[in-house]
Amino acid sequence: MEVAGAEFLTVPEVAKLLRVTTFTIRSWILQRRIPFIKPAGRILFNRAAVNQWLEERAVPARTKQ
């Protein structure tokens, strides 16, 4: 689904993208751990917001000391 240049993903699409189960995604939704929108009662994810969410959780590599 695409609206005004933004790409939206469904629960199964995000689960596949993140390589987790749909159960995990739904659990994260209930815990408000992942950004989502709920237009007309349907849960969707803005791909850009999911990508940003992932980047914010990246663990930097150690540098030599």
PDB file of N, CA and C in Angstrom:
ATOM      1  N   MET A   1       0.838  -1.176   0.000  1.00  0.00           N
ATOM      2  CA  MET A   1       0.000   0.000   0.000  1.00  0.00           C
ATOM      3  C   MET A   1       0.879   1.234   0.000  1.00  0.00           C
ATOM      4  N   GLU A   2       0.550   2.235  -0.799  1.00  0.00           N
ATOM      5  CA  GLU A   2       1.333   3.458  -0.863  1.00  0.00           C
ATOM      6  C   GLU A   2       0.401   4.655  -0.899  1.00  0.00           C
ATOM      7  N   VAL A   3       0.672   5.648  -0.053  1.00  0.00           N
ATOM      8  CA  VAL A   3      -0.142   6.851   0.014  1.00  0.00           C
ATOM      9  C   VAL A   3       0.779   8.058   0.068  1.00  0.00           C
ATOM     10  N   ALA A   4       0.598   8.990  -0.847  1.00  0.00           N
ATOM     11  CA  ALA A   4       1.361  10.241  -0.866  1.00  0.00           C
ATOM     12  C   ALA A   4       2.860  10.021  -0.706  1.00  0.00           C
ATOM     13  N   GLY A   5       3.401   9.055  -1.414  1.00  0.00           N
ATOM     14  CA  GLY A   5       4.833   8.807  -1.389  1.00  0.00           C
ATOM     15  C   GLY A   5       5.321   7.944  -0.244  1.00  0.00           C
ATOM     16  N   ALA A   6       4.494   7.683   0.757  1.00  0.00           N
ATOM     17  CA  ALA A   6       4.893   6.833   1.878  1.00  0.00           C
ATOM     18  C   ALA A   6       4.475   5.399   1.587  1.00  0.00           C
ATOM     19  N   GLU A   7       5.346   4.475   1.931  1.00  0.00           N
ATOM     20  CA  GLU A   7       5.028   3.060   1.732  1.00  0.00           C
ATOM     21  C   GLU A   7       4.614   2.454   3.067  1.00  0.00           C
ATOM     22  N   PHE A   8       3.483   1.757   3.077  1.00  0.00           N
ATOM     23  CA  PHE A   8       2.973   1.139   4.288  1.00  0.00           C
ATOM     24  C   PHE A   8       3.024  -0.371   4.165  1.00  0.00           C
ATOM     25  N   LEU A   9       3.353  -1.016   5.286  1.00  0.00           N
ATOM     26  CA  LEU A   9       3.481  -2.471   5.346  1.00  0.00           C
ATOM     27  C   LEU A   9       2.472  -3.048   6.323  1.00  0.00           C
ATOM     28  N   THR A  10       2.097  -4.290   6.092  1.00  0.00           N
ATOM     29  CA  THR A  10       1.189  -5.011   6.977  1.00  0.00           C
ATOM     30  C   THR A  10       1.997  -5.757   8.044  1.00  0.00           C
ATOM     31  N   VAL A  11       1.306  -6.326   9.008  1.00  0.00           N
ATOM     32  CA  VAL A  11       1.974  -7.112  10.051  1.00  0.00           C
ATOM     33  C   VAL A  11       2.802  -8.247   9.437  1.00  0.00           C
ATOM     34  N   PRO A  12       2.246  -9.060   8.529  1.00  0.00           N
ATOM     35  CA  PRO A  12       3.058 -10.139   7.946  1.00  0.00           C
ATOM     36  C   PRO A  12       4.269  -9.613   7.161  1.00  0.00           C
ATOM     37  N   GLU A  13       4.122  -8.483   6.494  1.00  0.00           N
ATOM     38  CA  GLU A  13       5.245  -7.919   5.728  1.00  0.00           C
ATOM     39  C   GLU A  13       6.368  -7.449   6.657  1.00  0.00           C
ATOM     40  N   VAL A  14       6.005  -6.816   7.774  1.00  0.00           N
ATOM     41  CA  VAL A  14       7.021  -6.370   8.732  1.00  0.00           C
ATOM     42  C   VAL A  14       7.682  -7.571   9.394  1.00  0.00           C
ATOM     43  N   ALA A  15       6.899  -8.585   9.716  1.00  0.00           N
ATOM     44  CA  ALA A  15       7.457  -9.800  10.308  1.00  0.00           C
ATOM     45  C   ALA A  15       8.484 -10.426   9.364  1.00  0.00           C
ATOM     46  N   LYS A  16       8.152 -10.495   8.100  1.00  0.00           N
ATOM     47  CA  LYS A  16       9.078 -11.062   7.119  1.00  0.00           C
ATOM     48  C   LYS A  16      10.328 -10.197   6.992  1.00  0.00           C
ATOM     49  N   LEU A  17      10.143  -8.878   6.951  1.00  0.00           N
ATOM     50  CA  LEU A  17      11.262  -7.945   6.840  1.00  0.00           C
ATOM     51  C   LEU A  17      12.228  -8.088   8.013  1.00  0.00           C
ATOM     52  N   LEU A  18      11.675  -8.224   9.225  1.00  0.00           N
ATOM     53  CA  LEU A  18      12.498  -8.310  10.433  1.00  0.00           C
ATOM     54  C   LEU A  18      12.886  -9.738  10.794  1.00  0.00           C
ATOM     55  N   ARG A  19      12.355 -10.696  10.036  1.00  0.00           N
ATOM     56  CA  ARG A  19      12.637 -12.119  10.255  1.00  0.00           C
ATOM     57  C   ARG A  19      12.233 -12.583  11.645  1.00  0.00           C
ATOM     58  N   VAL A  20      11.015 -12.172  12.019  1.00  0.00           N
ATOM     59  CA  VAL A  20      10.396 -12.624  13.268  1.00  0.00           C
ATOM     60  C   VAL A  20       8.989 -13.099  12.932  1.00  0.00           C
ATOM     61  N   THR A  21       8.303 -13.652  13.903  1.00  0.00           N
ATOM     62  CA  THR A  21       6.946 -14.137  13.662  1.00  0.00           C
ATOM     63  C   THR A  21       5.935 -12.995  13.748  1.00  0.00           C
ATOM     64  N   THR A  22       4.766 -13.228  13.182  1.00  0.00           N
ATOM     65  CA  THR A  22       3.700 -12.236  13.306  1.00  0.00           C
ATOM     66  C   THR A  22       3.283 -12.101  14.775  1.00  0.00           C
ATOM     67  N   PHE A  23       3.398 -13.190  15.530  1.00  0.00           N
ATOM     68  CA  PHE A  23       3.109 -13.141  16.969  1.00  0.00           C
ATOM     69  C   PHE A  23       4.018 -12.129  17.659  1.00  0.00           C
ATOM     70  N   THR A  24       5.309 -12.145  17.306  1.00  0.00           N
ATOM     71  CA  THR A  24       6.265 -11.199  17.882  1.00  0.00           C
ATOM     72  C   THR A  24       5.885  -9.768  17.540  1.00  0.00           C
ATOM     73  N   ILE A  25       5.539  -9.526  16.279  1.00  0.00           N
ATOM     74  CA  ILE A  25       5.138  -8.172  15.868  1.00  0.00           C
ATOM     75  C   ILE A  25       3.912  -7.730  16.653  1.00  0.00           C
ATOM     76  N   ARG A  26       2.921  -8.591  16.761  1.00  0.00           N
ATOM     77  CA  ARG A  26       1.703  -8.231  17.499  1.00  0.00           C
ATOM     78  C   ARG A  26       2.008  -7.982  18.988  1.00  0.00           C
ATOM     79  N   SER A  27       2.934  -8.737  19.543  1.00  0.00           N
ATOM     80  CA  SER A  27       3.359  -8.511  20.921  1.00  0.00           C
ATOM     81  C   SER A  27       4.029  -7.146  21.055  1.00  0.00           C
ATOM     82  N   TRP A  28       4.899  -6.804  20.110  1.00  0.00           N
ATOM     83  CA  TRP A  28       5.570  -5.501  20.130  1.00  0.00           C
ATOM     84  C   TRP A  28       4.557  -4.366  19.985  1.00  0.00           C
ATOM     85  N   ILE A  29       3.508  -4.593  19.196  1.00  0.00           N
ATOM     86  CA  ILE A  29       2.454  -3.588  19.041  1.00  0.00           C
ATOM     87  C   ILE A  29       1.771  -3.357  20.387  1.00  0.00           C
ATOM     88  N   LEU A  30       1.401  -4.433  21.065  1.00  0.00           N
ATOM     89  CA  LEU A  30       0.728  -4.316  22.369  1.00  0.00           C
ATOM     90  C   LEU A  30       1.612  -3.621  23.398  1.00  0.00           C
ATOM     91  N   GLN A  31       2.912  -3.839  23.297  1.00  0.00           N
ATOM     92  CA  GLN A  31       3.877  -3.236  24.220  1.00  0.00           C
ATOM     93  C   GLN A  31       4.314  -1.840  23.762  1.00  0.00           C
ATOM     94  N   ARG A  32       3.835  -1.416  22.583  1.00  0.00           N
ATOM     95  CA  ARG A  32       4.211  -0.129  21.980  1.00  0.00           C
ATOM     96  C   ARG A  32       5.731  -0.045  21.760  1.00  0.00           C
ATOM     97  N   ARG A  33       6.324  -1.162  21.336  1.00  0.00           N
ATOM     98  CA  ARG A  33       7.771  -1.212  21.110  1.00  0.00           C
ATOM     99  C   ARG A  33       8.145  -0.862  19.677  1.00  0.00           C
ATOM    100  N   ILE A  34       7.200  -0.917  18.753  1.00  0.00           N
ATOM    101  CA  ILE A  34       7.471  -0.655  17.347  1.00  0.00           C
ATOM    102  C   ILE A  34       6.452   0.382  16.862  1.00  0.00           C
ATOM    103  N   PRO A  35       6.885   1.345  16.047  1.00  0.00           N
ATOM    104  CA  PRO A  35       5.939   2.376  15.591  1.00  0.00           C
ATOM    105  C   PRO A  35       4.943   1.822  14.568  1.00  0.00           C
ATOM    106  N   PHE A  36       3.678   2.174  14.745  1.00  0.00           N
ATOM    107  CA  PHE A  36       2.642   1.732  13.816  1.00  0.00           C
ATOM    108  C   PHE A  36       1.546   2.779  13.764  1.00  0.00           C
ATOM    109  N   ILE A  37       0.694   2.655  12.754  1.00  0.00           N
ATOM    110  CA  ILE A  37      -0.486   3.506  12.655  1.00  0.00           C
ATOM    111  C   ILE A  37      -1.702   2.595  12.565  1.00  0.00           C
ATOM    112  N   LYS A  38      -2.853   3.152  12.888  1.00  0.00           N
ATOM    113  CA  LYS A  38      -4.062   2.332  12.903  1.00  0.00           C
ATOM    114  C   LYS A  38      -5.212   3.088  12.243  1.00  0.00           C
ATOM    115  N   PRO A  39      -5.123   3.297  10.927  1.00  0.00           N
ATOM    116  CA  PRO A  39      -6.228   3.973  10.241  1.00  0.00           C
ATOM    117  C   PRO A  39      -7.403   3.017  10.075  1.00  0.00           C
ATOM    118  N   ALA A  40      -8.565   3.446  10.458  1.00  0.00           N
ATOM    119  CA  ALA A  40      -9.796   2.654  10.309  1.00  0.00           C
ATOM    120  C   ALA A  40      -9.671   1.268  10.945  1.00  0.00           C
ATOM    121  N   GLY A  41      -8.913   1.174  12.047  1.00  0.00           N
ATOM    122  CA  GLY A  41      -8.817  -0.084  12.771  1.00  0.00           C
ATOM    123  C   GLY A  41      -7.824  -1.093  12.213  1.00  0.00           C
ATOM    124  N   ARG A  42      -7.169  -0.769  11.115  1.00  0.00           N
ATOM    125  CA  ARG A  42      -6.202  -1.682  10.498  1.00  0.00           C
ATOM    126  C   ARG A  42      -4.792  -1.258  10.888  1.00  0.00           C
ATOM    127  N   ILE A  43      -3.978  -2.181  11.343  1.00  0.00           N
ATOM    128  CA  ILE A  43      -2.618  -1.868  11.759  1.00  0.00           C
ATOM    129  C   ILE A  43      -1.701  -1.877  10.543  1.00  0.00           C
ATOM    130  N   LEU A  44      -0.993  -0.757  10.363  1.00  0.00           N
ATOM    131  CA  LEU A  44      -0.031  -0.612   9.275  1.00  0.00           C
ATOM    132  C   LEU A  44       1.248  -0.008   9.819  1.00  0.00           C
ATOM    133  N   PHE A  45       2.323  -0.170   9.069  1.00  0.00           N
ATOM    134  CA  PHE A  45       3.631   0.355   9.445  1.00  0.00           C
ATOM    135  C   PHE A  45       4.182   1.181   8.302  1.00  0.00           C
ATOM    136  N   ASN A  46       4.664   2.368   8.613  1.00  0.00           N
ATOM    137  CA  ASN A  46       5.339   3.191   7.623  1.00  0.00           C
ATOM    138  C   ASN A  46       6.752   2.628   7.482  1.00  0.00           C
ATOM    139  N   ARG A  47       7.129   2.232   6.256  1.00  0.00           N
ATOM    140  CA  ARG A  47       8.439   1.595   6.048  1.00  0.00           C
ATOM    141  C   ARG A  47       9.574   2.490   6.539  1.00  0.00           C
ATOM    142  N   ALA A  48       9.497   3.792   6.285  1.00  0.00           N
ATOM    143  CA  ALA A  48      10.550   4.709   6.717  1.00  0.00           C
ATOM    144  C   ALA A  48      10.653   4.739   8.244  1.00  0.00           C
ATOM    145  N   ALA A  49       9.530   4.713   8.934  1.00  0.00           N
ATOM    146  CA  ALA A  49       9.535   4.720  10.400  1.00  0.00           C
ATOM    147  C   ALA A  49      10.130   3.425  10.943  1.00  0.00           C
ATOM    148  N   VAL A  50       9.829   2.304  10.305  1.00  0.00           N
ATOM    149  CA  VAL A  50      10.395   1.017  10.728  1.00  0.00           C
ATOM    150  C   VAL A  50      11.906   1.021  10.507  1.00  0.00           C
ATOM    151  N   ASN A  51      12.355   1.540   9.365  1.00  0.00           N
ATOM    152  CA  ASN A  51      13.794   1.622   9.097  1.00  0.00           C
ATOM    153  C   ASN A  51      14.493   2.505  10.126  1.00  0.00           C
ATOM    154  N   GLN A  52      13.889   3.635  10.474  1.00  0.00           N
ATOM    155  CA  GLN A  52      14.466   4.522  11.479  1.00  0.00           C
ATOM    156  C   GLN A  52      14.502   3.831  12.834  1.00  0.00           C
ATOM    157  N   TRP A  53      13.431   3.130  13.184  1.00  0.00           N
ATOM    158  CA  TRP A  53      13.350   2.381  14.436  1.00  0.00           C
ATOM    159  C   TRP A  53      14.495   1.370  14.519  1.00  0.00           C
ATOM    160  N   LEU A  54      14.773   0.687  13.407  1.00  0.00           N
ATOM    161  CA  LEU A  54      15.875  -0.278  13.377  1.00  0.00           C
ATOM    162  C   LEU A  54      17.216   0.410  13.563  1.00  0.00           C
ATOM    163  N   GLU A  55      17.422   1.521  12.869  1.00  0.00           N
ATOM    164  CA  GLU A  55      18.687   2.250  12.967  1.00  0.00           C
ATOM    165  C   GLU A  55      18.940   2.732  14.389  1.00  0.00           C
ATOM    166  N   GLU A  56      17.899   3.161  15.084  1.00  0.00           N
ATOM    167  CA  GLU A  56      18.031   3.632  16.465  1.00  0.00           C
ATOM    168  C   GLU A  56      18.449   2.511  17.409  1.00  0.00           C
ATOM    169  N   ARG A  57      18.211   1.271  17.032  1.00  0.00           N
ATOM    170  CA  ARG A  57      18.542   0.137  17.872  1.00  0.00           C
ATOM    171  C   ARG A  57      19.843  -0.556  17.481  1.00  0.00           C
ATOM    172  N   ALA A  58      20.520  -0.008  16.493  1.00  0.00           N
ATOM    173  CA  ALA A  58      21.787  -0.597  16.061  1.00  0.00           C
ATOM    174  C   ALA A  58      22.828  -0.474  17.171  1.00  0.00           C
ATOM    175  N   VAL A  59      23.558  -1.527  17.378  1.00  0.00           N
ATOM    176  CA  VAL A  59      24.634  -1.538  18.368  1.00  0.00           C
ATOM    177  C   VAL A  59      25.934  -1.298  17.609  1.00  0.00           C
ATOM    178  N   PRO A  60      26.645  -0.222  17.943  1.00  0.00           N
ATOM    179  CA  PRO A  60      27.872   0.087  17.199  1.00  0.00           C
ATOM    180  C   PRO A  60      28.964  -0.951  17.453  1.00  0.00           C
ATOM    181  N   ALA A  61      29.789  -1.145  16.453  1.00  0.00           N
ATOM    182  CA  ALA A  61      30.898  -2.067  16.576  1.00  0.00           C
ATOM    183  C   ALA A  61      31.950  -1.466  17.511  1.00  0.00           C
ATOM    184  N   ARG A  62      32.680  -2.321  18.181  1.00  0.00           N
ATOM    185  CA  ARG A  62      33.768  -1.854  19.044  1.00  0.00           C
ATOM    186  C   ARG A  62      34.922  -1.406  18.170  1.00  0.00           C
ATOM    187  N   THR A  63      35.599  -0.384  18.641  1.00  0.00           N
ATOM    188  CA  THR A  63      36.805   0.058  17.943  1.00  0.00           C
ATOM    189  C   THR A  63      38.016  -0.403  18.728  1.00  0.00           C
ATOM    190  N   LYS A  64      39.129  -0.569  18.045  1.00  0.00           N
ATOM    191  CA  LYS A  64      40.351  -0.992  18.711  1.00  0.00           C
ATOM    192  C   LYS A  64      40.814   0.093  19.670  1.00  0.00           C
ATOM    193  N   GLN A  65      41.256  -0.351  20.819  1.00  0.00           N
ATOM    194  CA  GLN A  65      41.739   0.609  21.824  1.00  0.00           C
ATOM    195  C   GLN A  65      43.191   0.372  22.115  1.00  0.00           C
TER     196      GLN A  65
END
